[in-house]
Amino acid sequence: MNTLTEYFKESLDSQSPGMPVRIITGMIVILFGFIWLPLGLIGLLGLLWIVYVTKHPNTNIMEIKTGDILAPMDGLVTLVDTNSGKKRIRISQKIHTNRLILMPCNGKIDINMFVDGLFLPFEISNAHSLNARREITIKQDINSFSSNVQNEVCIIAWGSPLARYLSSPISEGRIVKAGMPIAISLLYGELDILLPADYELTVTLGEFCIAGKTLIAK
């Protein structure tokens, strides 16, 4: 009973990234059931998968120090770039991994915007400059009224042909703790996290990260 209560509580929360996709999928399942019962049962399997990949991780969020950065998404590290102005870590989702994107640190949502674009395969060389994406900028110093770009953390969730759903209903200006779901990416996507140049990266290329558990920078 508690599990069912938690499901409805999370599904109906206007700030929950999984809320829209769960409600839409549920309505589609009901429609399929009215049209043809076997089709509704197939749709129910899809709804169960949606619930599974959009559930809040049961693992306890790792205790972090001020300035530490946790992995925002389950997946494989496919890029580590330390040569540009900001350090960049790219994480790629797998079919079995959770689709929620978690807050990587304590801070305030400064910018949350969707940039329209194409949905090209990642193999195309300029796909990342053309694809649709969700950009979330996090200000770690919540007490500062000035914009210090050097201390900001930026998450970029990239859209591909199988990751067209890049939702994030979290409000700009909201103070959020590390480990809280702030966005969702379906079905198979990539995520870049941009960090200040003075950060020390603690993950390597090819390492598998667990959202809210793996320390990726400090």
N, C-alpha and C. Protein backbone atom coordinates (compact mmCIF):
# COMPACT_ATOMS: atom_id res chain seq x y z
N MET A 1 0.83 -1.20 0.00
CA MET A 1 0.00 0.00 0.00
C MET A 1 0.86 1.25 0.00
N ASN A 2 1.93 1.23 0.79
CA ASN A 2 2.82 2.38 0.83
C ASN A 2 3.46 2.63 -0.53
N THR A 3 3.82 1.52 -1.22
CA THR A 3 4.43 1.64 -2.54
C THR A 3 3.47 2.30 -3.52
N LEU A 4 2.18 1.89 -3.48
CA LEU A 4 1.18 2.46 -4.37
C LEU A 4 0.96 3.94 -4.06
N THR A 5 0.95 4.28 -2.77
CA THR A 5 0.78 5.68 -2.36
C THR A 5 1.94 6.54 -2.86
N GLU A 6 3.17 6.01 -2.72
CA GLU A 6 4.35 6.74 -3.18
C GLU A 6 4.32 6.93 -4.69
N TYR A 7 3.81 5.90 -5.42
CA TYR A 7 3.73 5.99 -6.88
C TYR A 7 2.81 7.14 -7.31
N PHE A 8 1.61 7.20 -6.70
CA PHE A 8 0.67 8.26 -7.07
C PHE A 8 1.17 9.63 -6.62
N LYS A 9 1.83 9.68 -5.46
CA LYS A 9 2.37 10.93 -4.97
C LYS A 9 3.41 11.49 -5.92
N GLU A 10 4.30 10.60 -6.39
CA GLU A 10 5.35 11.03 -7.32
C GLU A 10 4.79 11.34 -8.69
N SER A 11 3.80 10.54 -9.14
CA SER A 11 3.25 10.70 -10.48
C SER A 11 2.46 11.99 -10.62
N LEU A 12 1.83 12.45 -9.53
CA LEU A 12 0.98 13.64 -9.59
C LEU A 12 1.69 14.90 -9.15
N ASP A 13 2.95 14.80 -8.74
CA ASP A 13 3.72 15.97 -8.33
C ASP A 13 4.08 16.79 -9.56
N SER A 14 3.64 18.06 -9.57
CA SER A 14 3.86 18.91 -10.76
C SER A 14 5.35 19.16 -11.01
N GLN A 15 6.21 18.97 -10.00
CA GLN A 15 7.64 19.17 -10.16
C GLN A 15 8.38 17.86 -10.43
N SER A 16 7.64 16.77 -10.58
CA SER A 16 8.26 15.47 -10.84
C SER A 16 8.49 15.29 -12.34
N PRO A 17 9.73 15.04 -12.78
CA PRO A 17 10.00 14.87 -14.21
C PRO A 17 9.24 13.68 -14.82
N GLY A 18 8.94 12.66 -14.01
CA GLY A 18 8.26 11.48 -14.53
C GLY A 18 6.76 11.64 -14.64
N MET A 19 6.21 12.72 -14.06
CA MET A 19 4.77 12.90 -14.00
C MET A 19 4.11 12.93 -15.38
N PRO A 20 4.55 13.78 -16.33
CA PRO A 20 3.86 13.84 -17.62
C PRO A 20 3.88 12.53 -18.39
N VAL A 21 5.05 11.88 -18.44
CA VAL A 21 5.15 10.66 -19.24
C VAL A 21 4.34 9.52 -18.63
N ARG A 22 4.24 9.48 -17.31
CA ARG A 22 3.42 8.44 -16.66
C ARG A 22 1.94 8.64 -16.95
N ILE A 23 1.47 9.88 -16.83
CA ILE A 23 0.06 10.18 -17.07
C ILE A 23 -0.31 9.92 -18.53
N ILE A 24 0.52 10.39 -19.45
CA ILE A 24 0.24 10.20 -20.88
C ILE A 24 0.22 8.72 -21.24
N THR A 25 1.20 7.96 -20.72
CA THR A 25 1.26 6.53 -21.00
C THR A 25 0.04 5.83 -20.43
N GLY A 26 -0.38 6.20 -19.22
CA GLY A 26 -1.56 5.60 -18.61
C GLY A 26 -2.82 5.85 -19.43
N MET A 27 -2.97 7.07 -19.96
CA MET A 27 -4.13 7.40 -20.79
C MET A 27 -4.13 6.60 -22.09
N ILE A 28 -2.93 6.41 -22.66
CA ILE A 28 -2.82 5.62 -23.89
C ILE A 28 -3.20 4.17 -23.63
N VAL A 29 -2.77 3.64 -22.47
CA VAL A 29 -3.10 2.25 -22.12
C VAL A 29 -4.61 2.08 -21.98
N ILE A 30 -5.27 3.04 -21.32
CA ILE A 30 -6.73 2.98 -21.17
C ILE A 30 -7.41 3.01 -22.53
N LEU A 31 -6.93 3.88 -23.42
CA LEU A 31 -7.50 3.97 -24.77
C LEU A 31 -7.32 2.66 -25.53
N PHE A 32 -6.11 2.08 -25.45
CA PHE A 32 -5.85 0.80 -26.10
C PHE A 32 -6.78 -0.28 -25.56
N GLY A 33 -7.03 -0.25 -24.23
CA GLY A 33 -7.90 -1.25 -23.62
C GLY A 33 -9.32 -1.17 -24.13
N PHE A 34 -9.80 0.06 -24.38
CA PHE A 34 -11.14 0.23 -24.93
C PHE A 34 -11.22 -0.24 -26.38
N ILE A 35 -10.14 0.00 -27.13
CA ILE A 35 -10.13 -0.40 -28.54
C ILE A 35 -10.07 -1.91 -28.68
N TRP A 36 -9.14 -2.54 -27.95
CA TRP A 36 -8.94 -4.00 -28.04
C TRP A 36 -8.19 -4.44 -26.79
N LEU A 37 -8.79 -5.32 -26.01
CA LEU A 37 -8.23 -5.69 -24.71
C LEU A 37 -6.80 -6.22 -24.79
N PRO A 38 -6.49 -7.13 -25.74
CA PRO A 38 -5.08 -7.58 -25.83
C PRO A 38 -4.10 -6.44 -26.08
N LEU A 39 -4.53 -5.45 -26.86
CA LEU A 39 -3.66 -4.29 -27.11
C LEU A 39 -3.46 -3.50 -25.82
N GLY A 40 -4.50 -3.43 -25.01
CA GLY A 40 -4.37 -2.75 -23.72
C GLY A 40 -3.40 -3.46 -22.80
N LEU A 41 -3.40 -4.81 -22.84
CA LEU A 41 -2.47 -5.58 -22.01
C LEU A 41 -1.02 -5.35 -22.45
N ILE A 42 -0.83 -5.24 -23.78
CA ILE A 42 0.52 -4.94 -24.28
C ILE A 42 0.93 -3.53 -23.83
N GLY A 43 -0.01 -2.60 -23.90
CA GLY A 43 0.27 -1.25 -23.44
C GLY A 43 0.58 -1.20 -21.95
N LEU A 44 -0.05 -2.10 -21.18
CA LEU A 44 0.21 -2.16 -19.74
C LEU A 44 1.66 -2.54 -19.46
N LEU A 45 2.21 -3.43 -20.30
CA LEU A 45 3.63 -3.79 -20.16
C LEU A 45 4.51 -2.56 -20.39
N GLY A 46 4.11 -1.74 -21.38
CA GLY A 46 4.85 -0.50 -21.62
C GLY A 46 4.77 0.44 -20.44
N LEU A 47 3.59 0.53 -19.81
CA LEU A 47 3.43 1.40 -18.64
C LEU A 47 4.30 0.91 -17.48
N LEU A 48 4.36 -0.40 -17.29
CA LEU A 48 5.20 -0.96 -16.22
C LEU A 48 6.67 -0.62 -16.46
N TRP A 49 7.09 -0.65 -17.74
CA TRP A 49 8.48 -0.29 -18.06
C TRP A 49 8.73 1.18 -17.76
N ILE A 50 7.76 2.03 -18.12
CA ILE A 50 7.88 3.48 -17.84
C ILE A 50 8.02 3.71 -16.34
N VAL A 51 7.18 3.01 -15.56
CA VAL A 51 7.24 3.17 -14.10
C VAL A 51 8.61 2.73 -13.59
N TYR A 52 9.14 1.64 -14.15
CA TYR A 52 10.43 1.11 -13.69
C TYR A 52 11.58 2.08 -13.98
N VAL A 53 11.59 2.64 -15.17
CA VAL A 53 12.74 3.48 -15.56
C VAL A 53 12.58 4.94 -15.12
N THR A 54 11.42 5.28 -14.52
CA THR A 54 11.25 6.65 -14.04
C THR A 54 11.06 6.68 -12.52
N LYS A 55 11.32 5.57 -11.86
CA LYS A 55 11.17 5.56 -10.40
C LYS A 55 12.39 6.20 -9.75
N HIS A 56 12.16 6.81 -8.60
CA HIS A 56 13.24 7.42 -7.85
C HIS A 56 14.18 6.32 -7.38
N PRO A 57 15.49 6.47 -7.54
CA PRO A 57 16.43 5.44 -7.11
C PRO A 57 16.24 5.11 -5.62
N ASN A 58 16.22 3.80 -5.31
CA ASN A 58 16.04 3.37 -3.93
C ASN A 58 17.31 3.52 -3.11
N THR A 59 18.45 3.66 -3.81
CA THR A 59 19.71 3.77 -3.09
C THR A 59 19.81 5.08 -2.34
N ASN A 60 20.44 5.05 -1.20
CA ASN A 60 20.64 6.27 -0.43
C ASN A 60 21.62 7.18 -1.16
N ILE A 61 21.27 8.45 -1.25
CA ILE A 61 22.13 9.40 -1.92
C ILE A 61 23.40 9.59 -1.08
N MET A 62 24.52 9.56 -1.75
CA MET A 62 25.81 9.69 -1.08
C MET A 62 25.94 11.05 -0.40
N GLU A 63 26.47 11.03 0.84
CA GLU A 63 26.75 12.28 1.54
C GLU A 63 27.94 12.97 0.87
N ILE A 64 27.78 14.25 0.55
CA ILE A 64 28.83 14.96 -0.17
C ILE A 64 29.26 16.20 0.60
N LYS A 65 30.48 16.62 0.30
CA LYS A 65 31.00 17.86 0.85
C LYS A 65 30.64 19.01 -0.09
N THR A 66 30.77 20.21 0.39
CA THR A 66 30.50 21.39 -0.43
C THR A 66 31.43 21.40 -1.65
N GLY A 67 30.84 21.48 -2.83
CA GLY A 67 31.64 21.50 -4.06
C GLY A 67 31.76 20.15 -4.74
N ASP A 68 31.41 19.06 -4.04
CA ASP A 68 31.48 17.75 -4.67
C ASP A 68 30.35 17.59 -5.69
N ILE A 69 30.64 16.83 -6.76
CA ILE A 69 29.66 16.63 -7.83
C ILE A 69 29.39 15.14 -7.98
N LEU A 70 28.12 14.75 -7.91
CA LEU A 70 27.71 13.36 -8.10
C LEU A 70 27.25 13.15 -9.54
N ALA A 71 27.27 11.90 -9.97
CA ALA A 71 26.77 11.58 -11.31
C ALA A 71 25.28 11.90 -11.38
N PRO A 72 24.84 12.67 -12.36
CA PRO A 72 23.43 13.02 -12.45
C PRO A 72 22.57 11.95 -13.11
N MET A 73 23.22 10.97 -13.75
CA MET A 73 22.47 9.97 -14.51
C MET A 73 23.23 8.64 -14.52
N ASP A 74 22.49 7.54 -14.51
CA ASP A 74 23.10 6.23 -14.69
C ASP A 74 23.63 6.12 -16.11
N GLY A 75 24.81 5.56 -16.27
CA GLY A 75 25.32 5.36 -17.62
C GLY A 75 26.83 5.24 -17.68
N LEU A 76 27.32 5.10 -18.89
CA LEU A 76 28.73 4.88 -19.16
C LEU A 76 29.41 6.19 -19.54
N VAL A 77 30.57 6.46 -18.95
CA VAL A 77 31.34 7.65 -19.30
C VAL A 77 31.97 7.43 -20.68
N THR A 78 31.55 8.24 -21.66
CA THR A 78 32.05 8.07 -23.03
C THR A 78 32.95 9.22 -23.48
N LEU A 79 33.07 10.26 -22.66
CA LEU A 79 33.95 11.38 -23.01
C LEU A 79 34.40 12.08 -21.74
N VAL A 80 35.70 12.35 -21.67
CA VAL A 80 36.27 13.18 -20.61
C VAL A 80 37.15 14.22 -21.29
N ASP A 81 36.73 15.48 -21.22
CA ASP A 81 37.45 16.56 -21.90
C ASP A 81 37.95 17.56 -20.86
N THR A 82 39.25 17.69 -20.76
CA THR A 82 39.85 18.64 -19.82
C THR A 82 40.62 19.74 -20.53
N ASN A 83 40.48 19.82 -21.84
CA ASN A 83 41.29 20.77 -22.62
C ASN A 83 40.59 22.10 -22.88
N SER A 84 39.28 22.14 -22.72
CA SER A 84 38.55 23.38 -23.00
C SER A 84 38.44 24.23 -21.74
N GLY A 85 37.74 25.36 -21.84
CA GLY A 85 37.61 26.26 -20.70
C GLY A 85 36.97 25.61 -19.50
N LYS A 86 35.93 24.80 -19.76
CA LYS A 86 35.28 24.04 -18.70
C LYS A 86 35.50 22.56 -18.94
N LYS A 87 35.64 21.81 -17.86
CA LYS A 87 35.81 20.37 -17.99
C LYS A 87 34.46 19.73 -18.31
N ARG A 88 34.49 18.72 -19.17
CA ARG A 88 33.26 18.10 -19.66
C ARG A 88 33.31 16.58 -19.46
N ILE A 89 32.23 16.05 -18.91
CA ILE A 89 32.07 14.61 -18.78
C ILE A 89 30.79 14.23 -19.51
N ARG A 90 30.86 13.25 -20.40
CA ARG A 90 29.67 12.80 -21.14
C ARG A 90 29.29 11.40 -20.65
N ILE A 91 28.02 11.24 -20.34
CA ILE A 91 27.49 9.96 -19.86
C ILE A 91 26.41 9.48 -20.83
N SER A 92 26.49 8.21 -21.23
CA SER A 92 25.52 7.63 -22.17
C SER A 92 24.64 6.63 -21.44
N GLN A 93 23.33 6.75 -21.66
CA GLN A 93 22.38 5.83 -21.05
C GLN A 93 22.46 4.46 -21.70
N LYS A 94 22.06 3.44 -20.94
CA LYS A 94 21.88 2.09 -21.45
C LYS A 94 20.40 1.74 -21.35
N ILE A 95 19.97 0.70 -22.06
CA ILE A 95 18.55 0.37 -22.15
C ILE A 95 17.96 0.03 -20.78
N HIS A 96 18.79 -0.49 -19.87
CA HIS A 96 18.28 -0.94 -18.58
C HIS A 96 18.42 0.12 -17.48
N THR A 97 19.05 1.25 -17.77
CA THR A 97 19.34 2.22 -16.72
C THR A 97 18.19 3.18 -16.49
N ASN A 98 18.16 3.77 -15.30
CA ASN A 98 17.14 4.72 -14.92
C ASN A 98 17.20 5.94 -15.84
N ARG A 99 16.05 6.47 -16.21
CA ARG A 99 16.00 7.62 -17.14
C ARG A 99 15.96 8.96 -16.42
N LEU A 100 15.86 8.94 -15.09
CA LEU A 100 15.82 10.20 -14.36
C LEU A 100 17.19 10.86 -14.31
N ILE A 101 17.21 12.17 -14.40
CA ILE A 101 18.44 12.94 -14.22
C ILE A 101 18.35 13.61 -12.85
N LEU A 102 19.33 13.34 -12.00
CA LEU A 102 19.31 13.83 -10.63
C LEU A 102 20.17 15.08 -10.47
N MET A 103 19.85 15.85 -9.46
CA MET A 103 20.65 17.02 -9.11
C MET A 103 22.05 16.55 -8.71
N PRO A 104 23.11 17.03 -9.38
CA PRO A 104 24.46 16.54 -9.08
C PRO A 104 25.10 17.15 -7.84
N CYS A 105 24.52 18.23 -7.33
CA CYS A 105 25.09 18.93 -6.18
C CYS A 105 23.99 19.75 -5.51
N ASN A 106 24.29 20.28 -4.35
CA ASN A 106 23.36 21.21 -3.71
C ASN A 106 23.45 22.56 -4.40
N GLY A 107 22.33 23.19 -4.65
CA GLY A 107 22.38 24.49 -5.31
C GLY A 107 21.02 24.97 -5.77
N LYS A 108 21.04 25.98 -6.61
CA LYS A 108 19.81 26.61 -7.10
C LYS A 108 19.74 26.49 -8.62
N ILE A 109 18.57 26.16 -9.14
CA ILE A 109 18.36 26.09 -10.58
C ILE A 109 18.34 27.52 -11.12
N ASP A 110 19.38 27.88 -11.84
CA ASP A 110 19.51 29.24 -12.36
C ASP A 110 18.84 29.37 -13.72
N ILE A 111 19.11 28.40 -14.61
CA ILE A 111 18.51 28.41 -15.95
C ILE A 111 18.03 26.99 -16.26
N ASN A 112 16.82 26.88 -16.78
CA ASN A 112 16.27 25.60 -17.23
C ASN A 112 15.52 25.85 -18.53
N MET A 113 16.14 25.46 -19.64
CA MET A 113 15.52 25.76 -20.93
C MET A 113 15.69 24.61 -21.91
N PHE A 114 14.74 24.52 -22.83
CA PHE A 114 14.80 23.55 -23.92
C PHE A 114 15.20 24.27 -25.19
N VAL A 115 16.24 23.79 -25.84
CA VAL A 115 16.71 24.37 -27.10
C VAL A 115 16.25 23.48 -28.24
N ASP A 116 15.38 24.00 -29.09
CA ASP A 116 14.83 23.21 -30.19
C ASP A 116 15.92 22.88 -31.21
N GLY A 117 15.75 21.78 -31.91
CA GLY A 117 16.72 21.38 -32.91
C GLY A 117 16.33 20.07 -33.56
N LEU A 118 17.30 19.42 -34.16
CA LEU A 118 17.07 18.15 -34.85
C LEU A 118 17.24 16.98 -33.88
N PHE A 119 17.03 15.78 -34.39
CA PHE A 119 17.21 14.56 -33.59
C PHE A 119 18.07 13.58 -34.38
N LEU A 120 19.30 14.02 -34.64
CA LEU A 120 20.22 13.23 -35.46
C LEU A 120 20.91 12.15 -34.62
N PRO A 121 21.32 11.05 -35.24
CA PRO A 121 22.11 10.04 -34.51
C PRO A 121 23.41 10.64 -34.01
N PHE A 122 23.89 10.17 -32.85
CA PHE A 122 25.10 10.72 -32.26
C PHE A 122 26.34 10.45 -33.11
N GLU A 123 26.25 9.45 -34.01
CA GLU A 123 27.42 9.10 -34.83
C GLU A 123 27.77 10.21 -35.82
N ILE A 124 26.82 11.04 -36.16
CA ILE A 124 27.08 12.15 -37.08
C ILE A 124 27.95 13.18 -36.38
N SER A 125 29.00 13.64 -37.03
CA SER A 125 30.03 14.45 -36.38
C SER A 125 29.49 15.74 -35.76
N ASN A 126 28.55 16.41 -36.43
CA ASN A 126 28.06 17.69 -35.91
C ASN A 126 26.68 17.56 -35.26
N ALA A 127 26.31 16.34 -34.85
CA ALA A 127 24.98 16.12 -34.28
C ALA A 127 24.77 16.94 -33.02
N HIS A 128 25.80 17.06 -32.19
CA HIS A 128 25.64 17.74 -30.91
C HIS A 128 25.44 19.25 -31.08
N SER A 129 25.84 19.79 -32.20
CA SER A 129 25.62 21.23 -32.43
C SER A 129 24.25 21.48 -33.05
N LEU A 130 23.62 20.45 -33.61
CA LEU A 130 22.35 20.59 -34.30
C LEU A 130 21.17 20.02 -33.54
N ASN A 131 21.42 19.07 -32.64
CA ASN A 131 20.32 18.36 -31.97
C ASN A 131 19.60 19.21 -30.93
N ALA A 132 18.36 18.83 -30.68
CA ALA A 132 17.61 19.43 -29.58
C ALA A 132 18.26 19.04 -28.26
N ARG A 133 18.12 19.91 -27.26
CA ARG A 133 18.76 19.63 -25.98
C ARG A 133 18.07 20.36 -24.85
N ARG A 134 18.23 19.85 -23.66
CA ARG A 134 17.75 20.49 -22.44
C ARG A 134 18.96 20.98 -21.67
N GLU A 135 19.02 22.27 -21.38
CA GLU A 135 20.16 22.85 -20.66
C GLU A 135 19.70 23.32 -19.28
N ILE A 136 20.38 22.84 -18.25
CA ILE A 136 20.07 23.22 -16.87
C ILE A 136 21.35 23.74 -16.23
N THR A 137 21.34 25.00 -15.83
CA THR A 137 22.49 25.62 -15.17
C THR A 137 22.21 25.72 -13.68
N ILE A 138 23.18 25.27 -12.88
CA ILE A 138 23.03 25.21 -11.43
C ILE A 138 24.03 26.16 -10.78
N LYS A 139 23.53 27.04 -9.93
CA LYS A 139 24.38 27.93 -9.16
C LYS A 139 24.60 27.29 -7.79
N GLN A 140 25.86 26.97 -7.48
CA GLN A 140 26.16 26.31 -6.21
C GLN A 140 26.10 27.27 -5.03
N ASP A 141 26.52 28.51 -5.24
CA ASP A 141 26.50 29.51 -4.17
C ASP A 141 25.13 30.18 -4.16
N ILE A 142 24.20 29.62 -3.39
CA ILE A 142 22.82 30.09 -3.43
C ILE A 142 22.64 31.42 -2.72
N ASN A 143 23.61 31.83 -1.91
CA ASN A 143 23.51 33.08 -1.17
C ASN A 143 24.04 34.28 -1.95
N SER A 144 24.66 33.99 -3.10
CA SER A 144 25.23 35.07 -3.89
C SER A 144 24.21 35.57 -4.91
N PHE A 145 24.04 36.89 -4.99
CA PHE A 145 23.12 37.48 -5.96
C PHE A 145 23.80 37.75 -7.30
N SER A 146 25.12 37.75 -7.29
CA SER A 146 25.86 37.98 -8.53
C SER A 146 26.04 36.67 -9.28
N SER A 147 26.20 36.78 -10.59
CA SER A 147 26.37 35.59 -11.42
C SER A 147 27.85 35.28 -11.58
N ASN A 148 28.29 34.21 -10.88
CA ASN A 148 29.68 33.78 -10.99
C ASN A 148 29.73 32.55 -11.88
N VAL A 149 30.00 32.78 -13.18
CA VAL A 149 29.98 31.70 -14.16
C VAL A 149 31.03 30.64 -13.84
N GLN A 150 32.12 31.04 -13.19
CA GLN A 150 33.21 30.11 -12.92
C GLN A 150 32.78 28.99 -11.97
N ASN A 151 31.80 29.23 -11.13
CA ASN A 151 31.37 28.22 -10.15
C ASN A 151 30.09 27.51 -10.55
N GLU A 152 29.58 27.80 -11.73
CA GLU A 152 28.33 27.17 -12.17
C GLU A 152 28.57 25.78 -12.74
N VAL A 153 27.59 24.91 -12.53
CA VAL A 153 27.59 23.56 -13.11
C VAL A 153 26.47 23.53 -14.14
N CYS A 154 26.75 23.00 -15.32
CA CYS A 154 25.75 22.97 -16.38
C CYS A 154 25.52 21.53 -16.84
N ILE A 155 24.25 21.15 -16.93
CA ILE A 155 23.87 19.83 -17.45
C ILE A 155 23.22 20.03 -18.81
N ILE A 156 23.67 19.27 -19.79
CA ILE A 156 23.08 19.32 -21.13
C ILE A 156 22.63 17.91 -21.50
N ALA A 157 21.31 17.71 -21.60
CA ALA A 157 20.76 16.43 -22.03
C ALA A 157 20.46 16.52 -23.51
N TRP A 158 21.10 15.65 -24.28
CA TRP A 158 21.02 15.72 -25.74
C TRP A 158 19.88 14.86 -26.28
N GLY A 159 19.20 15.38 -27.30
CA GLY A 159 18.14 14.62 -27.95
C GLY A 159 18.67 13.88 -29.17
N SER A 160 18.27 12.63 -29.29
CA SER A 160 18.62 11.81 -30.45
C SER A 160 17.33 11.19 -30.98
N PRO A 161 17.38 10.42 -32.08
CA PRO A 161 16.14 9.82 -32.59
C PRO A 161 15.38 8.99 -31.56
N LEU A 162 16.08 8.44 -30.55
CA LEU A 162 15.42 7.63 -29.53
C LEU A 162 15.37 8.34 -28.18
N ALA A 163 15.70 9.62 -28.14
CA ALA A 163 15.66 10.36 -26.87
C ALA A 163 14.97 11.70 -27.09
N ARG A 164 13.79 11.66 -27.66
CA ARG A 164 13.09 12.89 -28.01
C ARG A 164 12.41 13.55 -26.81
N TYR A 165 12.22 12.80 -25.74
CA TYR A 165 11.52 13.34 -24.58
C TYR A 165 12.54 13.85 -23.58
N LEU A 166 12.66 15.17 -23.47
CA LEU A 166 13.63 15.78 -22.58
C LEU A 166 12.89 16.75 -21.66
N SER A 167 12.16 16.21 -20.71
CA SER A 167 11.30 17.02 -19.87
C SER A 167 11.97 17.41 -18.57
N SER A 168 11.67 18.63 -18.11
CA SER A 168 12.15 19.08 -16.81
C SER A 168 11.22 20.18 -16.30
N PRO A 169 10.24 19.81 -15.47
CA PRO A 169 9.29 20.81 -14.97
C PRO A 169 9.80 21.59 -13.77
N ILE A 170 11.04 21.33 -13.34
CA ILE A 170 11.58 22.00 -12.15
C ILE A 170 11.69 23.50 -12.40
N SER A 171 11.30 24.30 -11.43
CA SER A 171 11.22 25.75 -11.60
C SER A 171 12.59 26.41 -11.47
N GLU A 172 12.83 27.43 -12.31
CA GLU A 172 14.04 28.24 -12.16
C GLU A 172 13.96 29.02 -10.84
N GLY A 173 15.09 29.12 -10.16
CA GLY A 173 15.14 29.80 -8.88
C GLY A 173 14.92 28.88 -7.70
N ARG A 174 14.57 27.63 -7.95
CA ARG A 174 14.31 26.70 -6.85
C ARG A 174 15.62 26.16 -6.28
N ILE A 175 15.73 26.11 -4.98
CA ILE A 175 16.88 25.53 -4.30
C ILE A 175 16.64 24.04 -4.13
N VAL A 176 17.58 23.24 -4.63
CA VAL A 176 17.39 21.79 -4.69
C VAL A 176 18.60 21.08 -4.09
N LYS A 177 18.33 20.02 -3.36
CA LYS A 177 19.41 19.22 -2.77
C LYS A 177 19.92 18.18 -3.77
N ALA A 178 21.16 17.78 -3.59
CA ALA A 178 21.77 16.75 -4.44
C ALA A 178 20.95 15.47 -4.37
N GLY A 179 20.74 14.84 -5.54
CA GLY A 179 20.03 13.57 -5.59
C GLY A 179 18.57 13.68 -5.92
N MET A 180 18.03 14.89 -5.99
CA MET A 180 16.61 15.05 -6.32
C MET A 180 16.42 15.00 -7.83
N PRO A 181 15.41 14.28 -8.33
CA PRO A 181 15.16 14.25 -9.78
C PRO A 181 14.79 15.63 -10.31
N ILE A 182 15.46 16.04 -11.38
CA ILE A 182 15.19 17.36 -11.95
C ILE A 182 14.83 17.29 -13.43
N ALA A 183 15.06 16.13 -14.08
CA ALA A 183 14.75 16.01 -15.51
C ALA A 183 14.64 14.53 -15.86
N ILE A 184 14.19 14.28 -17.09
CA ILE A 184 14.07 12.91 -17.57
C ILE A 184 14.42 12.88 -19.05
N SER A 185 15.05 11.80 -19.47
CA SER A 185 15.46 11.63 -20.87
C SER A 185 15.05 10.25 -21.35
N LEU A 186 14.20 10.18 -22.37
CA LEU A 186 13.76 8.92 -22.96
C LEU A 186 14.14 8.91 -24.43
N LEU A 187 14.45 7.81 -25.06
CA LEU A 187 14.61 6.49 -24.50
C LEU A 187 16.09 6.21 -24.26
N TYR A 188 16.90 6.66 -25.17
CA TYR A 188 18.34 6.42 -25.07
C TYR A 188 19.04 7.72 -25.39
N GLY A 189 19.66 8.30 -24.39
CA GLY A 189 20.24 9.62 -24.60
C GLY A 189 21.64 9.76 -24.04
N GLU A 190 22.18 10.94 -24.24
CA GLU A 190 23.49 11.29 -23.71
C GLU A 190 23.37 12.56 -22.89
N LEU A 191 24.24 12.68 -21.93
CA LEU A 191 24.23 13.84 -21.06
C LEU A 191 25.65 14.34 -20.87
N ASP A 192 25.83 15.65 -21.03
CA ASP A 192 27.11 16.30 -20.74
C ASP A 192 26.96 17.09 -19.44
N ILE A 193 27.97 17.02 -18.61
CA ILE A 193 28.01 17.88 -17.43
C ILE A 193 29.28 18.71 -17.50
N LEU A 194 29.10 20.03 -17.50
CA LEU A 194 30.20 20.98 -17.62
C LEU A 194 30.57 21.50 -16.23
N LEU A 195 31.86 21.43 -15.91
CA LEU A 195 32.35 21.78 -14.59
C LEU A 195 33.42 22.86 -14.68
N PRO A 196 33.58 23.66 -13.62
CA PRO A 196 34.65 24.66 -13.62
C PRO A 196 36.01 24.03 -13.83
N ALA A 197 36.94 24.80 -14.41
CA ALA A 197 38.26 24.29 -14.79
C ALA A 197 39.08 23.82 -13.59
N ASP A 198 38.79 24.37 -12.40
CA ASP A 198 39.61 24.01 -11.24
C ASP A 198 39.14 22.73 -10.54
N TYR A 199 38.13 22.07 -11.08
CA TYR A 199 37.65 20.83 -10.47
C TYR A 199 38.56 19.65 -10.83
N GLU A 200 38.67 18.71 -9.91
CA GLU A 200 39.42 17.48 -10.14
C GLU A 200 38.43 16.37 -10.46
N LEU A 201 38.57 15.77 -11.65
CA LEU A 201 37.66 14.70 -12.06
C LEU A 201 38.05 13.40 -11.38
N THR A 202 37.06 12.64 -10.94
CA THR A 202 37.32 11.38 -10.23
C THR A 202 36.80 10.17 -10.99
N VAL A 203 36.38 10.35 -12.25
CA VAL A 203 35.95 9.23 -13.09
C VAL A 203 36.83 9.17 -14.33
N THR A 204 36.88 8.01 -14.94
CA THR A 204 37.70 7.80 -16.13
C THR A 204 36.84 7.31 -17.29
N LEU A 205 37.38 7.41 -18.47
CA LEU A 205 36.68 6.96 -19.67
C LEU A 205 36.34 5.48 -19.56
N GLY A 206 35.09 5.13 -19.85
CA GLY A 206 34.66 3.74 -19.81
C GLY A 206 34.08 3.30 -18.47
N GLU A 207 34.11 4.19 -17.47
CA GLU A 207 33.58 3.84 -16.15
C GLU A 207 32.06 3.96 -16.15
N PHE A 208 31.40 3.03 -15.43
CA PHE A 208 29.94 3.08 -15.32
C PHE A 208 29.57 3.86 -14.07
N CYS A 209 28.69 4.86 -14.23
CA CYS A 209 28.29 5.72 -13.11
C CYS A 209 26.88 5.38 -12.65
N ILE A 210 26.64 5.56 -11.36
CA ILE A 210 25.31 5.39 -10.79
C ILE A 210 24.86 6.75 -10.27
N ALA A 211 23.69 7.18 -10.71
CA ALA A 211 23.19 8.51 -10.34
C ALA A 211 23.05 8.64 -8.83
N GLY A 212 23.58 9.71 -8.29
CA GLY A 212 23.47 9.98 -6.87
C GLY A 212 24.41 9.18 -5.99
N LYS A 213 25.23 8.33 -6.61
CA LYS A 213 26.14 7.48 -5.83
C LYS A 213 27.60 7.66 -6.23
N THR A 214 27.85 7.85 -7.53
CA THR A 214 29.21 7.95 -8.02
C THR A 214 29.71 9.40 -7.96
N LEU A 215 30.81 9.62 -7.27
CA LEU A 215 31.44 10.94 -7.22
C LEU A 215 32.23 11.13 -8.49
N ILE A 216 31.87 12.14 -9.30
CA ILE A 216 32.54 12.33 -10.58
C ILE A 216 33.54 13.49 -10.56
N ALA A 217 33.42 14.37 -9.58
CA ALA A 217 34.38 15.51 -9.50
C ALA A 217 34.33 16.12 -8.11
N LYS A 218 35.44 16.78 -7.75
CA LYS A 218 35.50 17.46 -6.45
C LYS A 218 36.42 18.66 -6.55
